[in-house]
Amino acid sequence: GLKTYEIKNQNGELLAKFSFNPTDSDLMTRYNNGIKNLELKENELMQKGEQTIEDVIEEDNYIKKTIDEIFNAPVSDSFFTIMGVRSLVGGRFFFEFVIETLGNIIKEENQNQMSEMKKRIEKYGKRYK
């Protein structure tokens, strides 16, 4: 089912709140594909050279769209209404902070789910030894 998460800054202030299903079996695949797509887009823009304001807006929209695709829901609104995609947080763009945080949440939830599954397997597996 859906879980709600809060993303806070280093001072503990709430930056964003969003909900998604961490047990979605395709989430890790979409996350990895999203990261690859963002890297490809970055390389494409680097080869282009100097960016126009239109390029920046296009890239910002692409980042938002990619995050939404990862979670199969419009979660980017909850992040980027309070702070712009390219706002600086601790020397990094805010979108990088968001993506890293989301990756950590996915990893933690997968580890928790695997742990629970192992416990169940061990519990019911003892019956057949």
N, C-alpha and C. Protein backbone atom coordinates (compact mmCIF):
# COMPACT_ATOMS: atom_id res chain seq x y z
N GLY A 1 0.79 -1.18 0.00
CA GLY A 1 0.00 0.00 0.00
C GLY A 1 0.84 1.25 0.00
N LEU A 2 0.16 2.36 -0.07
CA LEU A 2 0.83 3.66 -0.08
C LEU A 2 1.44 3.97 1.28
N LYS A 3 2.61 4.59 1.23
CA LYS A 3 3.27 5.11 2.43
C LYS A 3 3.56 6.58 2.18
N THR A 4 3.49 7.38 3.23
CA THR A 4 3.78 8.80 3.12
C THR A 4 5.14 9.07 3.74
N TYR A 5 5.94 9.86 3.03
CA TYR A 5 7.29 10.18 3.47
C TYR A 5 7.45 11.69 3.53
N GLU A 6 8.31 12.11 4.44
CA GLU A 6 8.66 13.52 4.56
C GLU A 6 10.15 13.65 4.26
N ILE A 7 10.50 14.67 3.50
CA ILE A 7 11.91 14.97 3.26
C ILE A 7 12.21 16.27 3.99
N LYS A 8 13.21 16.18 4.85
CA LYS A 8 13.58 17.34 5.67
C LYS A 8 15.01 17.76 5.33
N ASN A 9 15.29 19.04 5.54
CA ASN A 9 16.65 19.52 5.31
C ASN A 9 17.52 19.20 6.53
N GLN A 10 18.76 19.66 6.48
CA GLN A 10 19.71 19.36 7.55
C GLN A 10 19.28 19.94 8.90
N ASN A 11 18.41 20.94 8.88
CA ASN A 11 17.92 21.56 10.10
C ASN A 11 16.63 20.92 10.60
N GLY A 12 16.19 19.87 9.91
CA GLY A 12 14.96 19.19 10.31
C GLY A 12 13.69 19.84 9.82
N GLU A 13 13.83 20.84 8.95
CA GLU A 13 12.66 21.53 8.41
C GLU A 13 12.07 20.71 7.26
N LEU A 14 10.76 20.64 7.21
CA LEU A 14 10.06 19.88 6.18
C LEU A 14 10.23 20.54 4.83
N LEU A 15 10.78 19.79 3.85
CA LEU A 15 10.93 20.29 2.49
C LEU A 15 9.85 19.76 1.57
N ALA A 16 9.47 18.51 1.78
CA ALA A 16 8.45 17.91 0.91
C ALA A 16 7.81 16.73 1.61
N LYS A 17 6.60 16.43 1.19
CA LYS A 17 5.84 15.30 1.70
C LYS A 17 5.18 14.63 0.51
N PHE A 18 5.34 13.32 0.39
CA PHE A 18 4.77 12.63 -0.76
C PHE A 18 4.43 11.20 -0.39
N SER A 19 3.57 10.60 -1.20
CA SER A 19 3.14 9.22 -0.96
C SER A 19 3.41 8.38 -2.20
N PHE A 20 3.82 7.14 -1.97
CA PHE A 20 3.99 6.18 -3.06
C PHE A 20 3.99 4.78 -2.48
N ASN A 21 3.93 3.80 -3.36
CA ASN A 21 3.91 2.40 -2.94
C ASN A 21 5.32 1.84 -3.01
N PRO A 22 6.02 1.72 -1.88
CA PRO A 22 7.40 1.25 -1.91
C PRO A 22 7.53 -0.23 -2.26
N THR A 23 6.43 -0.96 -2.27
CA THR A 23 6.48 -2.38 -2.62
C THR A 23 6.16 -2.61 -4.09
N ASP A 24 6.03 -1.54 -4.86
CA ASP A 24 5.81 -1.65 -6.30
C ASP A 24 7.00 -2.40 -6.91
N SER A 25 6.73 -3.53 -7.52
CA SER A 25 7.81 -4.39 -8.01
C SER A 25 8.61 -3.76 -9.16
N ASP A 26 8.05 -2.77 -9.83
CA ASP A 26 8.76 -2.13 -10.94
C ASP A 26 9.46 -0.83 -10.53
N LEU A 27 9.36 -0.45 -9.27
CA LEU A 27 9.90 0.83 -8.82
C LEU A 27 11.41 0.93 -9.03
N MET A 28 12.16 -0.10 -8.64
CA MET A 28 13.62 -0.05 -8.77
C MET A 28 14.03 0.04 -10.25
N THR A 29 13.32 -0.67 -11.11
CA THR A 29 13.62 -0.60 -12.55
C THR A 29 13.36 0.81 -13.07
N ARG A 30 12.22 1.39 -12.70
CA ARG A 30 11.91 2.75 -13.15
C ARG A 30 12.92 3.76 -12.59
N TYR A 31 13.35 3.55 -11.34
CA TYR A 31 14.34 4.45 -10.73
C TYR A 31 15.65 4.39 -11.52
N ASN A 32 16.15 3.19 -11.76
CA ASN A 32 17.41 3.03 -12.48
C ASN A 32 17.32 3.59 -13.89
N ASN A 33 16.20 3.34 -14.58
CA ASN A 33 16.00 3.89 -15.92
C ASN A 33 15.93 5.41 -15.88
N GLY A 34 15.27 5.96 -14.86
CA GLY A 34 15.17 7.41 -14.71
C GLY A 34 16.54 8.05 -14.53
N ILE A 35 17.38 7.43 -13.70
CA ILE A 35 18.74 7.96 -13.49
C ILE A 35 19.52 7.94 -14.80
N LYS A 36 19.43 6.83 -15.53
CA LYS A 36 20.13 6.73 -16.83
C LYS A 36 19.63 7.81 -17.79
N ASN A 37 18.32 8.01 -17.84
CA ASN A 37 17.76 9.02 -18.74
C ASN A 37 18.22 10.43 -18.36
N LEU A 38 18.29 10.71 -17.07
CA LEU A 38 18.77 12.03 -16.63
C LEU A 38 20.23 12.23 -16.99
N GLU A 39 21.03 11.17 -16.86
CA GLU A 39 22.44 11.26 -17.24
C GLU A 39 22.60 11.50 -18.74
N LEU A 40 21.78 10.80 -19.54
CA LEU A 40 21.82 10.99 -21.00
C LEU A 40 21.44 12.43 -21.37
N LYS A 41 20.41 12.94 -20.70
CA LYS A 41 19.96 14.32 -20.97
C LYS A 41 21.06 15.31 -20.60
N GLU A 42 21.73 15.08 -19.47
CA GLU A 42 22.81 15.96 -19.04
C GLU A 42 23.95 15.95 -20.06
N ASN A 43 24.32 14.76 -20.53
CA ASN A 43 25.39 14.65 -21.53
C ASN A 43 25.01 15.36 -22.83
N GLU A 44 23.74 15.22 -23.22
CA GLU A 44 23.23 15.88 -24.42
C GLU A 44 23.37 17.40 -24.30
N LEU A 45 23.00 17.92 -23.14
CA LEU A 45 23.07 19.37 -22.93
C LEU A 45 24.52 19.85 -22.82
N MET A 46 25.38 19.03 -22.24
CA MET A 46 26.80 19.40 -22.12
C MET A 46 27.43 19.52 -23.51
N GLN A 47 27.05 18.62 -24.41
CA GLN A 47 27.60 18.67 -25.77
C GLN A 47 27.08 19.88 -26.53
N LYS A 48 25.89 20.32 -26.17
CA LYS A 48 25.28 21.47 -26.84
C LYS A 48 26.04 22.75 -26.52
N GLY A 49 26.63 22.80 -25.33
CA GLY A 49 27.37 24.00 -24.93
C GLY A 49 26.52 24.90 -24.08
N GLU A 50 26.61 26.19 -24.34
CA GLU A 50 25.90 27.19 -23.53
C GLU A 50 24.39 26.99 -23.63
N GLN A 51 23.74 27.07 -22.48
CA GLN A 51 22.30 26.86 -22.43
C GLN A 51 21.55 28.18 -22.47
N THR A 52 20.43 28.15 -23.19
CA THR A 52 19.52 29.29 -23.19
C THR A 52 18.54 29.11 -22.03
N ILE A 53 17.77 30.12 -21.74
CA ILE A 53 16.76 30.02 -20.69
C ILE A 53 15.73 28.95 -21.07
N GLU A 54 15.45 28.82 -22.36
CA GLU A 54 14.52 27.78 -22.83
C GLU A 54 15.08 26.39 -22.54
N ASP A 55 16.41 26.22 -22.72
CA ASP A 55 17.05 24.93 -22.42
C ASP A 55 16.91 24.59 -20.94
N VAL A 56 17.11 25.58 -20.10
CA VAL A 56 17.03 25.37 -18.65
C VAL A 56 15.60 24.97 -18.27
N ILE A 57 14.63 25.67 -18.80
CA ILE A 57 13.22 25.35 -18.51
C ILE A 57 12.89 23.95 -19.01
N GLU A 58 13.36 23.61 -20.22
CA GLU A 58 13.11 22.28 -20.77
C GLU A 58 13.73 21.19 -19.89
N GLU A 59 14.96 21.44 -19.44
CA GLU A 59 15.63 20.44 -18.59
C GLU A 59 14.91 20.32 -17.25
N ASP A 60 14.50 21.43 -16.67
CA ASP A 60 13.77 21.38 -15.40
C ASP A 60 12.48 20.56 -15.56
N ASN A 61 11.76 20.80 -16.63
CA ASN A 61 10.53 20.03 -16.89
C ASN A 61 10.83 18.56 -17.11
N TYR A 62 11.95 18.28 -17.78
CA TYR A 62 12.36 16.89 -18.02
C TYR A 62 12.67 16.19 -16.70
N ILE A 63 13.34 16.88 -15.80
CA ILE A 63 13.66 16.32 -14.48
C ILE A 63 12.37 16.01 -13.72
N LYS A 64 11.44 16.95 -13.71
CA LYS A 64 10.16 16.73 -13.02
C LYS A 64 9.41 15.54 -13.63
N LYS A 65 9.35 15.50 -14.95
CA LYS A 65 8.66 14.41 -15.66
C LYS A 65 9.30 13.07 -15.32
N THR A 66 10.63 13.03 -15.28
CA THR A 66 11.34 11.78 -14.98
C THR A 66 11.04 11.31 -13.57
N ILE A 67 11.03 12.21 -12.61
CA ILE A 67 10.71 11.84 -11.23
C ILE A 67 9.29 11.31 -11.15
N ASP A 68 8.36 11.95 -11.84
CA ASP A 68 6.97 11.47 -11.86
C ASP A 68 6.88 10.08 -12.48
N GLU A 69 7.65 9.83 -13.54
CA GLU A 69 7.64 8.52 -14.18
C GLU A 69 8.21 7.44 -13.26
N ILE A 70 9.22 7.79 -12.49
CA ILE A 70 9.80 6.82 -11.56
C ILE A 70 8.73 6.32 -10.59
N PHE A 71 7.93 7.26 -10.08
CA PHE A 71 6.95 6.90 -9.06
C PHE A 71 5.55 6.68 -9.61
N ASN A 72 5.40 6.78 -10.92
CA ASN A 72 4.11 6.53 -11.54
C ASN A 72 3.02 7.41 -10.93
N ALA A 73 3.42 8.62 -10.54
CA ALA A 73 2.50 9.55 -9.90
C ALA A 73 3.11 10.95 -9.95
N PRO A 74 2.29 11.99 -9.83
CA PRO A 74 2.81 13.37 -9.88
C PRO A 74 3.45 13.83 -8.57
N VAL A 75 4.52 13.14 -8.17
CA VAL A 75 5.17 13.49 -6.90
C VAL A 75 6.09 14.71 -7.01
N SER A 76 6.53 15.04 -8.22
CA SER A 76 7.47 16.16 -8.36
C SER A 76 6.85 17.48 -7.87
N ASP A 77 5.53 17.60 -7.99
CA ASP A 77 4.87 18.81 -7.50
C ASP A 77 5.12 19.03 -6.02
N SER A 78 5.14 17.94 -5.25
CA SER A 78 5.33 18.08 -3.81
C SER A 78 6.74 18.54 -3.47
N PHE A 79 7.70 18.28 -4.35
CA PHE A 79 9.08 18.72 -4.10
C PHE A 79 9.32 20.14 -4.59
N PHE A 80 8.92 20.40 -5.82
CA PHE A 80 9.39 21.59 -6.49
C PHE A 80 8.44 22.78 -6.41
N THR A 81 7.37 22.67 -5.64
CA THR A 81 6.56 23.85 -5.38
C THR A 81 7.17 24.68 -4.25
N ILE A 82 7.97 24.02 -3.41
CA ILE A 82 8.58 24.74 -2.29
C ILE A 82 9.99 25.23 -2.60
N MET A 83 10.62 24.62 -3.61
CA MET A 83 11.97 25.01 -3.97
C MET A 83 12.20 24.62 -5.43
N GLY A 84 12.83 25.48 -6.18
CA GLY A 84 13.08 25.21 -7.59
C GLY A 84 14.00 24.03 -7.82
N VAL A 85 13.90 23.43 -8.98
CA VAL A 85 14.69 22.26 -9.35
C VAL A 85 16.18 22.52 -9.16
N ARG A 86 16.64 23.69 -9.54
CA ARG A 86 18.07 24.00 -9.49
C ARG A 86 18.49 24.83 -8.27
N SER A 87 17.63 24.93 -7.29
CA SER A 87 18.03 25.61 -6.06
C SER A 87 19.19 24.84 -5.44
N LEU A 88 20.07 25.56 -4.80
CA LEU A 88 21.23 24.92 -4.20
C LEU A 88 20.94 24.53 -2.76
N VAL A 89 21.30 23.28 -2.45
CA VAL A 89 21.15 22.74 -1.10
C VAL A 89 22.45 22.02 -0.77
N GLY A 90 23.20 22.57 0.16
CA GLY A 90 24.47 21.94 0.55
C GLY A 90 25.43 21.78 -0.62
N GLY A 91 25.46 22.76 -1.52
CA GLY A 91 26.38 22.71 -2.65
C GLY A 91 25.93 21.83 -3.80
N ARG A 92 24.70 21.35 -3.74
CA ARG A 92 24.15 20.52 -4.83
C ARG A 92 22.81 21.11 -5.26
N PHE A 93 22.42 20.76 -6.49
CA PHE A 93 21.09 21.15 -6.93
C PHE A 93 20.06 20.38 -6.12
N PHE A 94 18.93 21.03 -5.86
CA PHE A 94 17.87 20.41 -5.07
C PHE A 94 17.39 19.11 -5.70
N PHE A 95 17.28 19.07 -7.03
CA PHE A 95 16.80 17.84 -7.66
C PHE A 95 17.75 16.67 -7.39
N GLU A 96 19.06 16.93 -7.28
CA GLU A 96 20.01 15.86 -6.95
C GLU A 96 19.76 15.33 -5.54
N PHE A 97 19.50 16.26 -4.63
CA PHE A 97 19.18 15.89 -3.24
C PHE A 97 17.91 15.03 -3.21
N VAL A 98 16.90 15.44 -3.97
CA VAL A 98 15.63 14.71 -4.02
C VAL A 98 15.85 13.30 -4.56
N ILE A 99 16.56 13.18 -5.67
CA ILE A 99 16.78 11.87 -6.29
C ILE A 99 17.58 10.96 -5.38
N GLU A 100 18.61 11.49 -4.75
CA GLU A 100 19.40 10.68 -3.82
C GLU A 100 18.56 10.22 -2.64
N THR A 101 17.76 11.11 -2.10
CA THR A 101 16.90 10.75 -0.97
C THR A 101 15.89 9.68 -1.37
N LEU A 102 15.29 9.83 -2.55
CA LEU A 102 14.34 8.83 -3.03
C LEU A 102 15.02 7.48 -3.22
N GLY A 103 16.22 7.49 -3.75
CA GLY A 103 16.98 6.25 -3.92
C GLY A 103 17.24 5.57 -2.59
N ASN A 104 17.58 6.35 -1.58
CA ASN A 104 17.81 5.79 -0.24
C ASN A 104 16.53 5.19 0.34
N ILE A 105 15.42 5.85 0.12
CA ILE A 105 14.13 5.34 0.61
C ILE A 105 13.80 4.01 -0.07
N ILE A 106 13.97 3.96 -1.38
CA ILE A 106 13.69 2.72 -2.13
C ILE A 106 14.57 1.59 -1.61
N LYS A 107 15.85 1.87 -1.45
CA LYS A 107 16.79 0.85 -0.97
C LYS A 107 16.40 0.34 0.42
N GLU A 108 16.09 1.27 1.32
CA GLU A 108 15.71 0.90 2.68
C GLU A 108 14.43 0.06 2.70
N GLU A 109 13.44 0.48 1.92
CA GLU A 109 12.17 -0.26 1.89
C GLU A 109 12.36 -1.66 1.30
N ASN A 110 13.20 -1.77 0.27
CA ASN A 110 13.47 -3.09 -0.31
C ASN A 110 14.17 -3.99 0.71
N GLN A 111 15.12 -3.43 1.45
CA GLN A 111 15.81 -4.21 2.48
C GLN A 111 14.84 -4.65 3.57
N ASN A 112 13.95 -3.76 3.99
CA ASN A 112 12.96 -4.11 5.01
C ASN A 112 12.03 -5.22 4.52
N GLN A 113 11.58 -5.10 3.28
CA GLN A 113 10.68 -6.11 2.73
C GLN A 113 11.37 -7.46 2.61
N MET A 114 12.62 -7.46 2.18
CA MET A 114 13.38 -8.71 2.06
C MET A 114 13.58 -9.35 3.43
N SER A 115 13.84 -8.55 4.43
CA SER A 115 14.03 -9.04 5.79
C SER A 115 12.75 -9.70 6.30
N GLU A 116 11.61 -9.04 6.06
CA GLU A 116 10.33 -9.60 6.47
C GLU A 116 10.04 -10.91 5.75
N MET A 117 10.37 -10.96 4.47
CA MET A 117 10.14 -12.17 3.69
C MET A 117 11.01 -13.31 4.21
N LYS A 118 12.26 -13.03 4.54
CA LYS A 118 13.16 -14.07 5.07
C LYS A 118 12.64 -14.62 6.39
N LYS A 119 12.12 -13.73 7.24
CA LYS A 119 11.55 -14.18 8.52
C LYS A 119 10.38 -15.14 8.29
N ARG A 120 9.53 -14.78 7.33
CA ARG A 120 8.37 -15.64 7.03
C ARG A 120 8.81 -16.99 6.48
N ILE A 121 9.78 -16.97 5.61
CA ILE A 121 10.28 -18.21 5.02
C ILE A 121 10.89 -19.09 6.10
N GLU A 122 11.68 -18.49 6.99
CA GLU A 122 12.29 -19.26 8.07
C GLU A 122 11.23 -19.84 9.00
N LYS A 123 10.23 -19.04 9.32
CA LYS A 123 9.15 -19.46 10.22
C LYS A 123 8.41 -20.67 9.65
N TYR A 124 8.00 -20.56 8.40
CA TYR A 124 7.22 -21.64 7.80
C TYR A 124 8.10 -22.78 7.30
N GLY A 125 9.36 -22.48 7.02
CA GLY A 125 10.28 -23.53 6.55
C GLY A 125 10.63 -24.51 7.65
N LYS A 126 10.62 -24.06 8.92
CA LYS A 126 10.93 -24.95 10.06
C LYS A 126 9.94 -26.09 10.17
N ARG A 127 8.75 -25.88 9.72
CA ARG A 127 7.71 -26.90 9.82
C ARG A 127 8.04 -28.13 8.98
N TYR A 128 8.85 -27.95 7.96
CA TYR A 128 9.08 -29.04 7.00
C TYR A 128 10.44 -29.68 7.15
N LYS A 129 11.18 -29.33 8.19
CA LYS A 129 12.50 -29.93 8.40
C LYS A 129 12.40 -31.22 9.17
